[in-house]
Amino acid sequence: MSLQRDWILRLAEQLSQAIARVAALRRQGRADEAVKEIANAAAGLAGIDLAMAASVDAAMLAGFVKEPPRTAALARLMLERAEVARDAGDGPGDRAWRRRAVELWLEAGAAGAELDADARAAVAAQPADALSPRARALRDR
């Protein structure tokens, strides 16, 4: 149990550091670099290519990632990607990445991951009609 706890704490620390780097790049208006940082973090934390992650549904993506905490970390990175799109005035990109993050958080939660307050708020804020049928069913549980 202690090894798993240490692993989760390291994952959380790595995610926190990645988000801090992305936030700094966003504040500096360096959107392209922020996207690269998000992609690097997704590869490092979840072993997933960000472009590939955007091309498959959340259930399949969660199956690729395997561990629910990694799935939740990937969802958080997708929320960061949504924020970069929003900063750039890309409303459709913002909505698509935000939806992807919420659906992935729902998959992670269904698999046993603890969802933090940010994740729960994002899930609650996402309109049901913007979610896939599977995600709506997971949210309704």
N, C-alpha and C. Protein backbone atom coordinates (compact mmCIF):
# COMPACT_ATOMS: atom_id res chain seq x y z
N MET A 1 0.83 -1.19 0.00
CA MET A 1 0.00 0.00 0.00
C MET A 1 0.87 1.25 0.00
N SER A 2 1.95 1.24 0.73
CA SER A 2 2.82 2.40 0.80
C SER A 2 3.46 2.71 -0.55
N LEU A 3 3.82 1.68 -1.31
CA LEU A 3 4.40 1.89 -2.63
C LEU A 3 3.39 2.56 -3.56
N GLN A 4 2.14 2.12 -3.50
CA GLN A 4 1.11 2.72 -4.34
C GLN A 4 0.89 4.18 -3.94
N ARG A 5 0.87 4.44 -2.67
CA ARG A 5 0.69 5.81 -2.19
C ARG A 5 1.85 6.70 -2.66
N ASP A 6 3.07 6.19 -2.54
CA ASP A 6 4.25 6.94 -3.01
C ASP A 6 4.17 7.21 -4.50
N TRP A 7 3.74 6.20 -5.25
CA TRP A 7 3.60 6.34 -6.71
C TRP A 7 2.57 7.43 -7.04
N ILE A 8 1.45 7.42 -6.36
CA ILE A 8 0.40 8.42 -6.61
C ILE A 8 0.90 9.81 -6.22
N LEU A 9 1.61 9.91 -5.12
CA LEU A 9 2.16 11.21 -4.71
C LEU A 9 3.17 11.73 -5.73
N ARG A 10 4.02 10.85 -6.26
CA ARG A 10 4.98 11.27 -7.30
C ARG A 10 4.25 11.72 -8.55
N LEU A 11 3.21 10.99 -8.93
CA LEU A 11 2.41 11.36 -10.10
C LEU A 11 1.78 12.73 -9.89
N ALA A 12 1.22 12.96 -8.72
CA ALA A 12 0.60 14.25 -8.41
C ALA A 12 1.62 15.38 -8.44
N GLU A 13 2.82 15.11 -7.93
CA GLU A 13 3.87 16.12 -7.93
C GLU A 13 4.31 16.45 -9.36
N GLN A 14 4.49 15.42 -10.18
CA GLN A 14 4.88 15.64 -11.58
C GLN A 14 3.79 16.42 -12.33
N LEU A 15 2.53 16.07 -12.07
CA LEU A 15 1.43 16.78 -12.70
C LEU A 15 1.41 18.24 -12.27
N SER A 16 1.58 18.47 -10.99
CA SER A 16 1.60 19.83 -10.46
C SER A 16 2.72 20.66 -11.10
N GLN A 17 3.89 20.07 -11.23
CA GLN A 17 5.01 20.78 -11.86
C GLN A 17 4.71 21.09 -13.33
N ALA A 18 4.12 20.15 -14.04
CA ALA A 18 3.79 20.37 -15.44
C ALA A 18 2.76 21.50 -15.57
N ILE A 19 1.75 21.48 -14.72
CA ILE A 19 0.72 22.52 -14.77
C ILE A 19 1.34 23.88 -14.46
N ALA A 20 2.26 23.94 -13.53
CA ALA A 20 2.92 25.21 -13.21
C ALA A 20 3.70 25.72 -14.41
N ARG A 21 4.40 24.82 -15.11
CA ARG A 21 5.14 25.24 -16.31
C ARG A 21 4.18 25.74 -17.39
N VAL A 22 3.08 25.04 -17.58
CA VAL A 22 2.08 25.45 -18.58
C VAL A 22 1.49 26.80 -18.21
N ALA A 23 1.17 26.99 -16.94
CA ALA A 23 0.60 28.27 -16.49
C ALA A 23 1.58 29.42 -16.74
N ALA A 24 2.84 29.19 -16.47
CA ALA A 24 3.85 30.24 -16.72
C ALA A 24 3.92 30.58 -18.20
N LEU A 25 3.90 29.57 -19.04
CA LEU A 25 3.95 29.80 -20.49
C LEU A 25 2.69 30.53 -20.97
N ARG A 26 1.54 30.17 -20.42
CA ARG A 26 0.30 30.86 -20.79
C ARG A 26 0.36 32.32 -20.39
N ARG A 27 0.86 32.61 -19.18
CA ARG A 27 0.96 34.01 -18.73
C ARG A 27 1.87 34.81 -19.64
N GLN A 28 2.87 34.17 -20.19
CA GLN A 28 3.82 34.84 -21.08
C GLN A 28 3.31 34.91 -22.52
N GLY A 29 2.12 34.35 -22.77
CA GLY A 29 1.56 34.38 -24.12
C GLY A 29 2.24 33.42 -25.08
N ARG A 30 2.88 32.39 -24.55
CA ARG A 30 3.62 31.43 -25.37
C ARG A 30 2.79 30.16 -25.53
N ALA A 31 1.68 30.30 -26.26
CA ALA A 31 0.70 29.22 -26.41
C ALA A 31 1.30 27.99 -27.06
N ASP A 32 2.08 28.16 -28.11
CA ASP A 32 2.66 26.99 -28.79
C ASP A 32 3.55 26.19 -27.85
N GLU A 33 4.32 26.88 -27.04
CA GLU A 33 5.18 26.20 -26.08
C GLU A 33 4.36 25.54 -24.98
N ALA A 34 3.26 26.17 -24.59
CA ALA A 34 2.38 25.58 -23.58
C ALA A 34 1.79 24.27 -24.10
N VAL A 35 1.38 24.27 -25.37
CA VAL A 35 0.83 23.05 -25.97
C VAL A 35 1.90 21.96 -26.00
N LYS A 36 3.11 22.32 -26.34
CA LYS A 36 4.21 21.33 -26.36
C LYS A 36 4.46 20.78 -24.96
N GLU A 37 4.41 21.65 -23.97
CA GLU A 37 4.61 21.20 -22.59
C GLU A 37 3.49 20.24 -22.18
N ILE A 38 2.27 20.53 -22.56
CA ILE A 38 1.15 19.65 -22.25
C ILE A 38 1.35 18.30 -22.94
N ALA A 39 1.77 18.33 -24.19
CA ALA A 39 2.01 17.08 -24.93
C ALA A 39 3.13 16.28 -24.28
N ASN A 40 4.20 16.95 -23.87
CA ASN A 40 5.31 16.25 -23.20
C ASN A 40 4.85 15.65 -21.88
N ALA A 41 4.05 16.39 -21.13
CA ALA A 41 3.56 15.89 -19.86
C ALA A 41 2.62 14.69 -20.07
N ALA A 42 1.78 14.74 -21.09
CA ALA A 42 0.88 13.62 -21.38
C ALA A 42 1.69 12.37 -21.71
N ALA A 43 2.74 12.55 -22.48
CA ALA A 43 3.60 11.41 -22.83
C ALA A 43 4.31 10.88 -21.59
N GLY A 44 4.81 11.77 -20.75
CA GLY A 44 5.54 11.35 -19.57
C GLY A 44 4.67 10.77 -18.47
N LEU A 45 3.54 11.38 -18.23
CA LEU A 45 2.69 10.96 -17.11
C LEU A 45 1.75 9.81 -17.47
N ALA A 46 1.29 9.79 -18.71
CA ALA A 46 0.30 8.78 -19.09
C ALA A 46 0.77 7.89 -20.22
N GLY A 47 1.93 8.20 -20.81
CA GLY A 47 2.42 7.39 -21.92
C GLY A 47 1.56 7.50 -23.16
N ILE A 48 0.93 8.65 -23.34
CA ILE A 48 -0.01 8.84 -24.44
C ILE A 48 0.38 10.06 -25.27
N ASP A 49 0.31 9.91 -26.58
CA ASP A 49 0.49 11.02 -27.49
C ASP A 49 -0.78 11.87 -27.46
N LEU A 50 -0.62 13.16 -27.25
CA LEU A 50 -1.78 14.05 -27.11
C LEU A 50 -2.65 14.08 -28.36
N ALA A 51 -2.03 14.06 -29.54
CA ALA A 51 -2.82 14.05 -30.78
C ALA A 51 -3.64 12.77 -30.88
N MET A 52 -3.05 11.66 -30.51
CA MET A 52 -3.79 10.40 -30.52
C MET A 52 -4.91 10.45 -29.50
N ALA A 53 -4.64 11.02 -28.34
CA ALA A 53 -5.65 11.12 -27.29
C ALA A 53 -6.87 11.90 -27.75
N ALA A 54 -6.65 12.85 -28.63
CA ALA A 54 -7.77 13.65 -29.13
C ALA A 54 -8.58 12.91 -30.19
N SER A 55 -8.05 11.80 -30.68
CA SER A 55 -8.71 11.13 -31.80
C SER A 55 -9.50 9.88 -31.42
N VAL A 56 -9.47 9.50 -30.16
CA VAL A 56 -10.23 8.31 -29.73
C VAL A 56 -11.19 8.70 -28.61
N ASP A 57 -12.22 7.87 -28.43
CA ASP A 57 -13.18 8.20 -27.38
C ASP A 57 -12.56 7.94 -26.00
N ALA A 58 -13.19 8.52 -25.00
CA ALA A 58 -12.64 8.50 -23.65
C ALA A 58 -12.53 7.08 -23.09
N ALA A 59 -13.49 6.22 -23.38
CA ALA A 59 -13.43 4.85 -22.85
C ALA A 59 -12.22 4.12 -23.43
N MET A 60 -11.98 4.28 -24.72
CA MET A 60 -10.84 3.63 -25.34
C MET A 60 -9.53 4.21 -24.79
N LEU A 61 -9.50 5.51 -24.63
CA LEU A 61 -8.32 6.17 -24.11
C LEU A 61 -8.01 5.69 -22.68
N ALA A 62 -9.03 5.59 -21.86
CA ALA A 62 -8.84 5.10 -20.49
C ALA A 62 -8.31 3.67 -20.51
N GLY A 63 -8.74 2.89 -21.49
CA GLY A 63 -8.23 1.53 -21.62
C GLY A 63 -6.76 1.49 -21.99
N PHE A 64 -6.32 2.46 -22.77
CA PHE A 64 -4.91 2.55 -23.13
C PHE A 64 -4.06 2.92 -21.93
N VAL A 65 -4.57 3.83 -21.12
CA VAL A 65 -3.79 4.36 -20.00
C VAL A 65 -3.72 3.36 -18.85
N LYS A 66 -4.75 2.63 -18.60
CA LYS A 66 -4.85 1.57 -17.59
C LYS A 66 -5.06 2.07 -16.16
N GLU A 67 -4.11 2.77 -15.56
CA GLU A 67 -4.22 3.15 -14.17
C GLU A 67 -5.12 4.38 -14.02
N PRO A 68 -6.18 4.30 -13.20
CA PRO A 68 -7.10 5.43 -13.03
C PRO A 68 -6.42 6.75 -12.62
N PRO A 69 -5.41 6.75 -11.73
CA PRO A 69 -4.77 8.03 -11.41
C PRO A 69 -4.09 8.67 -12.63
N ARG A 70 -3.50 7.85 -13.50
CA ARG A 70 -2.89 8.38 -14.72
C ARG A 70 -3.96 8.93 -15.65
N THR A 71 -5.09 8.24 -15.70
CA THR A 71 -6.21 8.70 -16.53
C THR A 71 -6.69 10.07 -16.03
N ALA A 72 -6.81 10.21 -14.72
CA ALA A 72 -7.23 11.49 -14.15
C ALA A 72 -6.19 12.58 -14.43
N ALA A 73 -4.92 12.23 -14.36
CA ALA A 73 -3.86 13.20 -14.66
C ALA A 73 -3.94 13.65 -16.12
N LEU A 74 -4.19 12.71 -17.02
CA LEU A 74 -4.35 13.05 -18.44
C LEU A 74 -5.55 13.97 -18.63
N ALA A 75 -6.63 13.71 -17.92
CA ALA A 75 -7.81 14.57 -18.01
C ALA A 75 -7.45 16.00 -17.58
N ARG A 76 -6.67 16.12 -16.52
CA ARG A 76 -6.27 17.46 -16.05
C ARG A 76 -5.43 18.18 -17.09
N LEU A 77 -4.56 17.44 -17.77
CA LEU A 77 -3.76 18.05 -18.84
C LEU A 77 -4.66 18.49 -20.00
N MET A 78 -5.70 17.72 -20.27
CA MET A 78 -6.64 18.11 -21.33
C MET A 78 -7.39 19.38 -20.94
N LEU A 79 -7.68 19.53 -19.67
CA LEU A 79 -8.30 20.77 -19.23
C LEU A 79 -7.35 21.94 -19.44
N GLU A 80 -6.07 21.73 -19.18
CA GLU A 80 -5.07 22.78 -19.47
C GLU A 80 -5.05 23.10 -20.96
N ARG A 81 -5.18 22.07 -21.78
CA ARG A 81 -5.20 22.29 -23.24
C ARG A 81 -6.42 23.12 -23.63
N ALA A 82 -7.54 22.88 -22.96
CA ALA A 82 -8.74 23.68 -23.20
C ALA A 82 -8.50 25.14 -22.84
N GLU A 83 -7.79 25.36 -21.73
CA GLU A 83 -7.49 26.73 -21.31
C GLU A 83 -6.61 27.45 -22.33
N VAL A 84 -5.65 26.74 -22.90
CA VAL A 84 -4.80 27.34 -23.94
C VAL A 84 -5.65 27.72 -25.15
N ALA A 85 -6.55 26.84 -25.52
CA ALA A 85 -7.45 27.13 -26.66
C ALA A 85 -8.33 28.34 -26.34
N ARG A 86 -8.84 28.39 -25.11
CA ARG A 86 -9.67 29.53 -24.72
C ARG A 86 -8.87 30.83 -24.78
N ASP A 87 -7.64 30.81 -24.26
CA ASP A 87 -6.78 31.99 -24.31
C ASP A 87 -6.58 32.49 -25.74
N ALA A 88 -6.54 31.55 -26.68
CA ALA A 88 -6.30 31.89 -28.09
C ALA A 88 -7.59 32.30 -28.80
N GLY A 89 -8.71 32.29 -28.08
CA GLY A 89 -9.98 32.66 -28.71
C GLY A 89 -10.58 31.54 -29.54
N ASP A 90 -10.12 30.32 -29.32
CA ASP A 90 -10.59 29.16 -30.06
C ASP A 90 -11.71 28.49 -29.26
N GLY A 91 -12.92 29.02 -29.40
CA GLY A 91 -14.06 28.49 -28.67
C GLY A 91 -14.33 27.02 -28.95
N PRO A 92 -14.36 26.61 -30.24
CA PRO A 92 -14.59 25.19 -30.52
C PRO A 92 -13.50 24.29 -29.92
N GLY A 93 -12.26 24.71 -29.99
CA GLY A 93 -11.18 23.93 -29.40
C GLY A 93 -11.31 23.84 -27.90
N ASP A 94 -11.65 24.95 -27.27
CA ASP A 94 -11.87 24.98 -25.82
C ASP A 94 -12.94 23.97 -25.44
N ARG A 95 -14.08 24.04 -26.12
CA ARG A 95 -15.19 23.14 -25.78
C ARG A 95 -14.82 21.67 -26.02
N ALA A 96 -14.11 21.39 -27.11
CA ALA A 96 -13.75 20.00 -27.43
C ALA A 96 -12.78 19.43 -26.40
N TRP A 97 -11.75 20.19 -26.04
CA TRP A 97 -10.79 19.71 -25.05
C TRP A 97 -11.43 19.60 -23.67
N ARG A 98 -12.31 20.54 -23.33
CA ARG A 98 -12.98 20.51 -22.03
C ARG A 98 -13.89 19.27 -21.95
N ARG A 99 -14.61 19.00 -23.03
CA ARG A 99 -15.46 17.80 -23.06
C ARG A 99 -14.61 16.55 -22.91
N ARG A 100 -13.50 16.50 -23.61
CA ARG A 100 -12.61 15.34 -23.54
C ARG A 100 -12.12 15.16 -22.11
N ALA A 101 -11.75 16.25 -21.45
CA ALA A 101 -11.27 16.17 -20.06
C ALA A 101 -12.37 15.61 -19.15
N VAL A 102 -13.57 16.14 -19.28
CA VAL A 102 -14.68 15.70 -18.43
C VAL A 102 -14.97 14.22 -18.66
N GLU A 103 -15.04 13.82 -19.92
CA GLU A 103 -15.35 12.42 -20.20
C GLU A 103 -14.25 11.49 -19.68
N LEU A 104 -13.02 11.94 -19.75
CA LEU A 104 -11.92 11.13 -19.24
C LEU A 104 -11.95 11.08 -17.71
N TRP A 105 -12.28 12.19 -17.07
CA TRP A 105 -12.44 12.17 -15.61
C TRP A 105 -13.55 11.20 -15.19
N LEU A 106 -14.63 11.20 -15.95
CA LEU A 106 -15.72 10.27 -15.63
C LEU A 106 -15.26 8.83 -15.75
N GLU A 107 -14.46 8.53 -16.77
CA GLU A 107 -13.91 7.18 -16.92
C GLU A 107 -12.98 6.85 -15.75
N ALA A 108 -12.14 7.80 -15.39
CA ALA A 108 -11.20 7.58 -14.28
C ALA A 108 -11.97 7.34 -12.98
N GLY A 109 -12.99 8.15 -12.73
CA GLY A 109 -13.79 7.98 -11.52
C GLY A 109 -14.50 6.63 -11.49
N ALA A 110 -15.03 6.21 -12.63
CA ALA A 110 -15.71 4.92 -12.70
C ALA A 110 -14.74 3.77 -12.44
N ALA A 111 -13.45 4.00 -12.76
CA ALA A 111 -12.43 2.96 -12.55
C ALA A 111 -11.81 3.04 -11.16
N GLY A 112 -12.24 3.99 -10.34
CA GLY A 112 -11.77 4.04 -8.97
C GLY A 112 -10.89 5.22 -8.59
N ALA A 113 -10.60 6.12 -9.52
CA ALA A 113 -9.78 7.29 -9.19
C ALA A 113 -10.57 8.26 -8.33
N GLU A 114 -9.88 8.88 -7.39
CA GLU A 114 -10.47 9.95 -6.60
C GLU A 114 -10.43 11.22 -7.45
N LEU A 115 -11.56 11.88 -7.62
CA LEU A 115 -11.60 13.12 -8.39
C LEU A 115 -11.50 14.31 -7.44
N ASP A 116 -10.59 15.21 -7.74
CA ASP A 116 -10.40 16.38 -6.90
C ASP A 116 -11.50 17.41 -7.17
N ALA A 117 -11.46 18.50 -6.44
CA ALA A 117 -12.50 19.53 -6.56
C ALA A 117 -12.55 20.13 -7.96
N ASP A 118 -11.40 20.34 -8.59
CA ASP A 118 -11.39 20.88 -9.95
C ASP A 118 -12.08 19.93 -10.92
N ALA A 119 -11.80 18.65 -10.78
CA ALA A 119 -12.43 17.66 -11.66
C ALA A 119 -13.94 17.63 -11.44
N ARG A 120 -14.35 17.60 -10.17
CA ARG A 120 -15.79 17.56 -9.88
C ARG A 120 -16.49 18.82 -10.40
N ALA A 121 -15.84 19.97 -10.27
CA ALA A 121 -16.43 21.21 -10.77
C ALA A 121 -16.55 21.19 -12.29
N ALA A 122 -15.52 20.69 -12.97
CA ALA A 122 -15.56 20.62 -14.43
C ALA A 122 -16.66 19.67 -14.89
N VAL A 123 -16.80 18.55 -14.21
CA VAL A 123 -17.85 17.58 -14.55
C VAL A 123 -19.22 18.22 -14.35
N ALA A 124 -19.41 18.89 -13.24
CA ALA A 124 -20.71 19.52 -12.94
C ALA A 124 -21.03 20.63 -13.93
N ALA A 125 -20.02 21.34 -14.41
CA ALA A 125 -20.25 22.48 -15.31
C ALA A 125 -20.52 22.06 -16.75
N GLN A 126 -20.15 20.84 -17.10
CA GLN A 126 -20.30 20.39 -18.49
C GLN A 126 -21.77 20.08 -18.77
N PRO A 127 -22.37 20.72 -19.78
CA PRO A 127 -23.77 20.41 -20.11
C PRO A 127 -23.92 18.94 -20.52
N ALA A 128 -24.96 18.30 -20.02
CA ALA A 128 -25.18 16.88 -20.32
C ALA A 128 -25.30 16.62 -21.81
N ASP A 129 -25.94 17.55 -22.53
CA ASP A 129 -26.13 17.31 -23.97
C ASP A 129 -24.83 17.44 -24.76
N ALA A 130 -23.76 17.90 -24.12
CA ALA A 130 -22.46 17.99 -24.78
C ALA A 130 -21.63 16.74 -24.55
N LEU A 131 -22.14 15.81 -23.75
CA LEU A 131 -21.40 14.59 -23.42
C LEU A 131 -21.88 13.42 -24.27
N SER A 132 -21.01 12.43 -24.44
CA SER A 132 -21.39 11.20 -25.11
C SER A 132 -22.42 10.46 -24.25
N PRO A 133 -23.19 9.57 -24.84
CA PRO A 133 -24.15 8.80 -24.04
C PRO A 133 -23.47 8.04 -22.89
N ARG A 134 -22.30 7.46 -23.15
CA ARG A 134 -21.58 6.75 -22.09
C ARG A 134 -21.21 7.70 -20.95
N ALA A 135 -20.70 8.87 -21.29
CA ALA A 135 -20.30 9.83 -20.26
C ALA A 135 -21.52 10.31 -19.47
N ARG A 136 -22.64 10.51 -20.15
CA ARG A 136 -23.86 10.91 -19.42
C ARG A 136 -24.25 9.82 -18.43
N ALA A 137 -24.16 8.56 -18.85
CA ALA A 137 -24.52 7.45 -17.95
C ALA A 137 -23.56 7.38 -16.76
N LEU A 138 -22.28 7.59 -17.01
CA LEU A 138 -21.31 7.60 -15.91
C LEU A 138 -21.58 8.74 -14.94
N ARG A 139 -21.93 9.90 -15.48
CA ARG A 139 -22.19 11.06 -14.62
C ARG A 139 -23.45 10.86 -13.79
N ASP A 140 -24.41 10.17 -14.34
CA ASP A 140 -25.68 9.94 -13.65
C ASP A 140 -25.58 8.91 -12.52
N ARG A 141 -24.48 8.17 -12.47
CA ARG A 141 -24.31 7.16 -11.40
C ARG A 141 -24.23 7.79 -10.05
